[in-house]
Amino acid sequence: MATPYRSLYLTFPDSETAVRIARALLEARLVACVNVLRGARSLYWWEGSVHDEAEVVAVAKSREDLVAAVAALVRELHPYDTPCIVAWPVADGDAGYLAWIDEALAG
C-alpha cells in the first residue's frame, strides 16, 4: 500500500546545525519528527577531489505535499552550497504512527 508519507535523509556539518534546522522545520510544521544521528563519516566527490568528512545525519518524517517546502527551508538555512536533501516514499507503516504524523503536521 503506497502512502503519501516521506522519509527525508539530510546531512549536516555538525549537531548544532542539524538541531537548529530540525527545530525550524518542526516550528514551520513541515515535519513531524527529526532523528539526529551523530557520528556519520561521509566520503564524496566535491570540486574534483574526494573528501572524507565527519557529518551528522538527520531523518525527518513528513508528507509528499510538504517535501518541496522542506527542501526550500533546508537550502535557505544550510551552510553547504549543495546540501544533501533526499526524500523516499514510505511504502507502508503502522497506522497509528502515520496518523500521528498527520496530527503533528496539522498542529
N, C-alpha and C. Protein backbone atom coordinates (compact mmCIF):
# COMPACT_ATOMS: atom_id res chain seq x y z
N MET A 1 0.84 -1.18 0.00
CA MET A 1 0.00 0.00 0.00
C MET A 1 0.89 1.25 0.00
N ALA A 2 0.84 2.02 -1.05
CA ALA A 2 1.60 3.27 -1.10
C ALA A 2 0.93 4.30 -0.21
N THR A 3 1.72 5.17 0.36
CA THR A 3 1.20 6.21 1.25
C THR A 3 1.72 7.57 0.80
N PRO A 4 1.12 8.65 1.30
CA PRO A 4 1.62 9.99 0.97
C PRO A 4 2.79 10.42 1.86
N TYR A 5 3.28 9.52 2.70
CA TYR A 5 4.32 9.88 3.67
C TYR A 5 5.70 9.74 3.06
N ARG A 6 6.63 10.56 3.58
CA ARG A 6 8.00 10.56 3.09
C ARG A 6 8.97 10.59 4.26
N SER A 7 10.07 9.88 4.10
CA SER A 7 11.23 10.00 4.98
C SER A 7 12.25 10.82 4.22
N LEU A 8 12.82 11.80 4.89
CA LEU A 8 13.83 12.65 4.26
C LEU A 8 15.18 12.40 4.92
N TYR A 9 16.18 12.17 4.09
CA TYR A 9 17.54 11.96 4.54
C TYR A 9 18.30 13.26 4.32
N LEU A 10 18.88 13.80 5.38
CA LEU A 10 19.58 15.08 5.35
C LEU A 10 20.93 14.92 6.03
N THR A 11 21.94 15.66 5.58
CA THR A 11 23.22 15.65 6.28
C THR A 11 23.62 17.08 6.63
N PHE A 12 24.40 17.19 7.71
CA PHE A 12 24.82 18.49 8.24
C PHE A 12 26.27 18.41 8.71
N PRO A 13 26.95 19.55 8.80
CA PRO A 13 28.34 19.53 9.23
C PRO A 13 28.52 19.24 10.72
N ASP A 14 27.48 19.51 11.53
CA ASP A 14 27.60 19.29 12.98
C ASP A 14 26.22 19.20 13.61
N SER A 15 26.19 18.77 14.87
CA SER A 15 24.92 18.59 15.58
C SER A 15 24.17 19.89 15.78
N GLU A 16 24.89 20.96 16.06
CA GLU A 16 24.24 22.25 16.30
C GLU A 16 23.46 22.70 15.08
N THR A 17 24.05 22.57 13.91
CA THR A 17 23.37 22.94 12.67
C THR A 17 22.17 22.03 12.43
N ALA A 18 22.34 20.74 12.63
CA ALA A 18 21.24 19.79 12.43
C ALA A 18 20.07 20.11 13.35
N VAL A 19 20.34 20.36 14.61
CA VAL A 19 19.27 20.66 15.57
C VAL A 19 18.61 22.00 15.25
N ARG A 20 19.39 22.99 14.88
CA ARG A 20 18.83 24.31 14.55
C ARG A 20 17.87 24.20 13.37
N ILE A 21 18.26 23.48 12.34
CA ILE A 21 17.41 23.34 11.16
C ILE A 21 16.23 22.42 11.46
N ALA A 22 16.45 21.38 12.24
CA ALA A 22 15.34 20.49 12.63
C ALA A 22 14.26 21.28 13.37
N ARG A 23 14.68 22.12 14.30
CA ARG A 23 13.70 22.95 15.04
C ARG A 23 12.94 23.89 14.11
N ALA A 24 13.63 24.47 13.14
CA ALA A 24 12.95 25.36 12.19
C ALA A 24 11.91 24.59 11.37
N LEU A 25 12.26 23.38 10.95
CA LEU A 25 11.31 22.55 10.20
C LEU A 25 10.11 22.18 11.05
N LEU A 26 10.36 21.84 12.31
CA LEU A 26 9.27 21.49 13.22
C LEU A 26 8.37 22.69 13.50
N GLU A 27 8.97 23.82 13.77
CA GLU A 27 8.19 25.03 14.07
C GLU A 27 7.35 25.47 12.88
N ALA A 28 7.82 25.19 11.67
CA ALA A 28 7.06 25.52 10.46
C ALA A 28 6.02 24.45 10.13
N ARG A 29 5.96 23.40 10.93
CA ARG A 29 5.03 22.27 10.73
C ARG A 29 5.23 21.60 9.38
N LEU A 30 6.50 21.53 8.95
CA LEU A 30 6.84 20.85 7.70
C LEU A 30 7.23 19.40 7.93
N VAL A 31 7.63 19.08 9.15
CA VAL A 31 7.98 17.71 9.53
C VAL A 31 7.34 17.40 10.88
N ALA A 32 7.10 16.12 11.11
CA ALA A 32 6.52 15.69 12.38
C ALA A 32 7.59 15.31 13.39
N CYS A 33 8.75 14.89 12.88
CA CYS A 33 9.81 14.38 13.74
C CYS A 33 11.12 14.43 12.96
N VAL A 34 12.22 14.65 13.69
CA VAL A 34 13.55 14.57 13.08
C VAL A 34 14.45 13.79 14.03
N ASN A 35 15.04 12.72 13.54
CA ASN A 35 16.06 11.99 14.29
C ASN A 35 17.42 12.51 13.88
N VAL A 36 18.21 12.98 14.84
CA VAL A 36 19.55 13.49 14.57
C VAL A 36 20.54 12.41 15.02
N LEU A 37 21.33 11.93 14.08
CA LEU A 37 22.24 10.80 14.31
C LEU A 37 23.67 11.27 14.12
N ARG A 38 24.39 11.36 15.18
CA ARG A 38 25.79 11.79 15.12
C ARG A 38 26.69 10.65 14.67
N GLY A 39 27.90 11.01 14.28
CA GLY A 39 28.92 10.01 14.03
C GLY A 39 29.01 9.50 12.61
N ALA A 40 28.38 10.18 11.66
CA ALA A 40 28.49 9.74 10.27
C ALA A 40 29.84 10.16 9.70
N ARG A 41 30.35 9.35 8.82
CA ARG A 41 31.57 9.67 8.09
C ARG A 41 31.20 9.64 6.61
N SER A 42 31.33 10.76 5.94
CA SER A 42 30.94 10.87 4.54
C SER A 42 32.16 11.00 3.66
N LEU A 43 32.24 10.15 2.67
CA LEU A 43 33.28 10.22 1.64
C LEU A 43 32.56 10.53 0.34
N TYR A 44 33.00 11.59 -0.35
CA TYR A 44 32.25 12.06 -1.51
C TYR A 44 33.14 12.87 -2.45
N TRP A 45 32.69 12.94 -3.69
CA TRP A 45 33.35 13.80 -4.67
C TRP A 45 32.83 15.21 -4.51
N TRP A 46 33.74 16.19 -4.49
CA TRP A 46 33.35 17.60 -4.49
C TRP A 46 34.46 18.41 -5.15
N GLU A 47 34.09 19.15 -6.16
CA GLU A 47 35.01 20.03 -6.88
C GLU A 47 36.29 19.31 -7.32
N GLY A 48 36.11 18.12 -7.87
CA GLY A 48 37.21 17.41 -8.49
C GLY A 48 38.06 16.53 -7.61
N SER A 49 37.73 16.44 -6.31
CA SER A 49 38.51 15.55 -5.45
C SER A 49 37.61 14.85 -4.44
N VAL A 50 38.14 13.78 -3.88
CA VAL A 50 37.40 13.01 -2.89
C VAL A 50 37.63 13.64 -1.52
N HIS A 51 36.55 13.86 -0.81
CA HIS A 51 36.60 14.41 0.55
C HIS A 51 36.18 13.34 1.54
N ASP A 52 36.70 13.43 2.75
CA ASP A 52 36.40 12.50 3.84
C ASP A 52 36.11 13.36 5.07
N GLU A 53 34.84 13.48 5.43
CA GLU A 53 34.43 14.42 6.48
C GLU A 53 33.49 13.76 7.49
N ALA A 54 33.56 14.25 8.71
CA ALA A 54 32.57 13.89 9.73
C ALA A 54 31.31 14.70 9.44
N GLU A 55 30.16 14.06 9.54
CA GLU A 55 28.89 14.73 9.34
C GLU A 55 27.87 14.18 10.34
N VAL A 56 26.73 14.84 10.38
CA VAL A 56 25.60 14.41 11.18
C VAL A 56 24.46 14.12 10.22
N VAL A 57 23.83 12.97 10.38
CA VAL A 57 22.69 12.57 9.54
C VAL A 57 21.41 12.88 10.30
N ALA A 58 20.40 13.35 9.57
CA ALA A 58 19.08 13.53 10.15
C ALA A 58 18.07 12.84 9.25
N VAL A 59 17.09 12.20 9.88
CA VAL A 59 15.99 11.56 9.17
C VAL A 59 14.71 12.23 9.63
N ALA A 60 14.00 12.85 8.69
CA ALA A 60 12.78 13.56 9.02
C ALA A 60 11.57 12.81 8.48
N LYS A 61 10.45 12.94 9.18
CA LYS A 61 9.21 12.31 8.75
C LYS A 61 8.23 13.40 8.34
N SER A 62 7.68 13.25 7.12
CA SER A 62 6.78 14.27 6.60
C SER A 62 5.83 13.63 5.60
N ARG A 63 5.25 14.48 4.74
CA ARG A 63 4.35 14.02 3.69
C ARG A 63 4.84 14.53 2.33
N GLU A 64 4.41 13.84 1.30
CA GLU A 64 4.80 14.18 -0.06
C GLU A 64 4.51 15.64 -0.41
N ASP A 65 3.37 16.15 0.02
CA ASP A 65 2.98 17.51 -0.34
C ASP A 65 3.84 18.58 0.34
N LEU A 66 4.66 18.19 1.30
CA LEU A 66 5.49 19.15 2.03
C LEU A 66 6.97 19.06 1.67
N VAL A 67 7.36 18.09 0.87
CA VAL A 67 8.78 17.85 0.57
C VAL A 67 9.43 19.08 -0.07
N ALA A 68 8.78 19.71 -1.02
CA ALA A 68 9.38 20.88 -1.68
C ALA A 68 9.61 22.01 -0.68
N ALA A 69 8.68 22.22 0.24
CA ALA A 69 8.84 23.27 1.25
C ALA A 69 9.95 22.90 2.25
N VAL A 70 10.05 21.63 2.60
CA VAL A 70 11.14 21.18 3.47
C VAL A 70 12.47 21.47 2.80
N ALA A 71 12.60 21.07 1.53
CA ALA A 71 13.85 21.28 0.80
C ALA A 71 14.19 22.76 0.71
N ALA A 72 13.20 23.60 0.46
CA ALA A 72 13.45 25.04 0.34
C ALA A 72 13.97 25.62 1.65
N LEU A 73 13.37 25.24 2.77
CA LEU A 73 13.81 25.76 4.07
C LEU A 73 15.19 25.23 4.44
N VAL A 74 15.45 23.96 4.16
CA VAL A 74 16.77 23.41 4.44
C VAL A 74 17.82 24.16 3.61
N ARG A 75 17.57 24.36 2.33
CA ARG A 75 18.53 25.09 1.48
C ARG A 75 18.76 26.51 2.00
N GLU A 76 17.70 27.16 2.46
CA GLU A 76 17.81 28.53 2.98
C GLU A 76 18.70 28.61 4.22
N LEU A 77 18.61 27.61 5.11
CA LEU A 77 19.29 27.66 6.40
C LEU A 77 20.62 26.90 6.44
N HIS A 78 20.87 26.07 5.46
CA HIS A 78 22.02 25.16 5.47
C HIS A 78 23.30 25.88 5.05
N PRO A 79 24.43 25.58 5.71
CA PRO A 79 25.69 26.23 5.33
C PRO A 79 26.33 25.66 4.06
N TYR A 80 25.95 24.46 3.62
CA TYR A 80 26.54 23.88 2.41
C TYR A 80 25.98 24.54 1.16
N ASP A 81 26.80 24.63 0.10
CA ASP A 81 26.32 25.10 -1.19
C ASP A 81 25.29 24.14 -1.78
N THR A 82 25.53 22.84 -1.59
CA THR A 82 24.65 21.81 -2.13
C THR A 82 24.35 20.80 -1.03
N PRO A 83 23.36 21.09 -0.18
CA PRO A 83 23.06 20.16 0.92
C PRO A 83 22.42 18.87 0.41
N CYS A 84 22.64 17.81 1.15
CA CYS A 84 22.00 16.52 0.86
C CYS A 84 20.56 16.59 1.36
N ILE A 85 19.63 16.53 0.42
CA ILE A 85 18.20 16.50 0.72
C ILE A 85 17.60 15.44 -0.17
N VAL A 86 17.28 14.28 0.38
CA VAL A 86 16.74 13.17 -0.39
C VAL A 86 15.47 12.69 0.30
N ALA A 87 14.40 12.50 -0.47
CA ALA A 87 13.15 12.01 0.09
C ALA A 87 12.81 10.65 -0.50
N TRP A 88 12.41 9.73 0.38
CA TRP A 88 11.98 8.41 -0.04
C TRP A 88 10.53 8.21 0.33
N PRO A 89 9.76 7.56 -0.54
CA PRO A 89 8.38 7.25 -0.17
C PRO A 89 8.34 6.19 0.93
N VAL A 90 7.39 6.33 1.81
CA VAL A 90 7.14 5.32 2.84
C VAL A 90 6.12 4.36 2.23
N ALA A 91 6.52 3.13 1.98
CA ALA A 91 5.65 2.17 1.32
C ALA A 91 4.50 1.74 2.23
N ASP A 92 4.77 1.66 3.51
CA ASP A 92 3.77 1.21 4.47
C ASP A 92 4.24 1.62 5.85
N GLY A 93 3.36 1.56 6.82
CA GLY A 93 3.75 1.91 8.18
C GLY A 93 2.63 1.63 9.15
N ASP A 94 2.94 1.69 10.41
CA ASP A 94 1.95 1.49 11.46
C ASP A 94 0.88 2.58 11.33
N ALA A 95 -0.37 2.19 11.30
CA ALA A 95 -1.48 3.13 11.09
C ALA A 95 -1.50 4.21 12.15
N GLY A 96 -1.24 3.85 13.39
CA GLY A 96 -1.23 4.84 14.46
C GLY A 96 -0.11 5.85 14.29
N TYR A 97 1.07 5.38 13.89
CA TYR A 97 2.21 6.28 13.69
C TYR A 97 1.94 7.23 12.53
N LEU A 98 1.40 6.71 11.43
CA LEU A 98 1.11 7.56 10.28
C LEU A 98 0.03 8.58 10.62
N ALA A 99 -0.95 8.19 11.41
CA ALA A 99 -1.99 9.13 11.85
C ALA A 99 -1.36 10.22 12.73
N TRP A 100 -0.39 9.83 13.57
CA TRP A 100 0.30 10.82 14.41
C TRP A 100 1.04 11.84 13.55
N ILE A 101 1.67 11.40 12.44
CA ILE A 101 2.34 12.34 11.54
C ILE A 101 1.34 13.38 11.04
N ASP A 102 0.17 12.91 10.61
CA ASP A 102 -0.86 13.85 10.14
C ASP A 102 -1.27 14.83 11.24
N GLU A 103 -1.46 14.33 12.46
CA GLU A 103 -1.85 15.19 13.57
C GLU A 103 -0.77 16.22 13.88
N ALA A 104 0.48 15.78 13.89
CA ALA A 104 1.60 16.68 14.20
C ALA A 104 1.74 17.77 13.14
N LEU A 105 1.53 17.41 11.89
CA LEU A 105 1.67 18.38 10.81
C LEU A 105 0.48 19.34 10.75
N ALA A 106 -0.65 18.92 11.25
CA ALA A 106 -1.84 19.77 11.25
C ALA A 106 -1.78 20.81 12.37
N GLY A 107 -1.01 20.52 13.40
CA GLY A 107 -0.88 21.46 14.50
C GLY A 107 -2.03 21.34 15.45
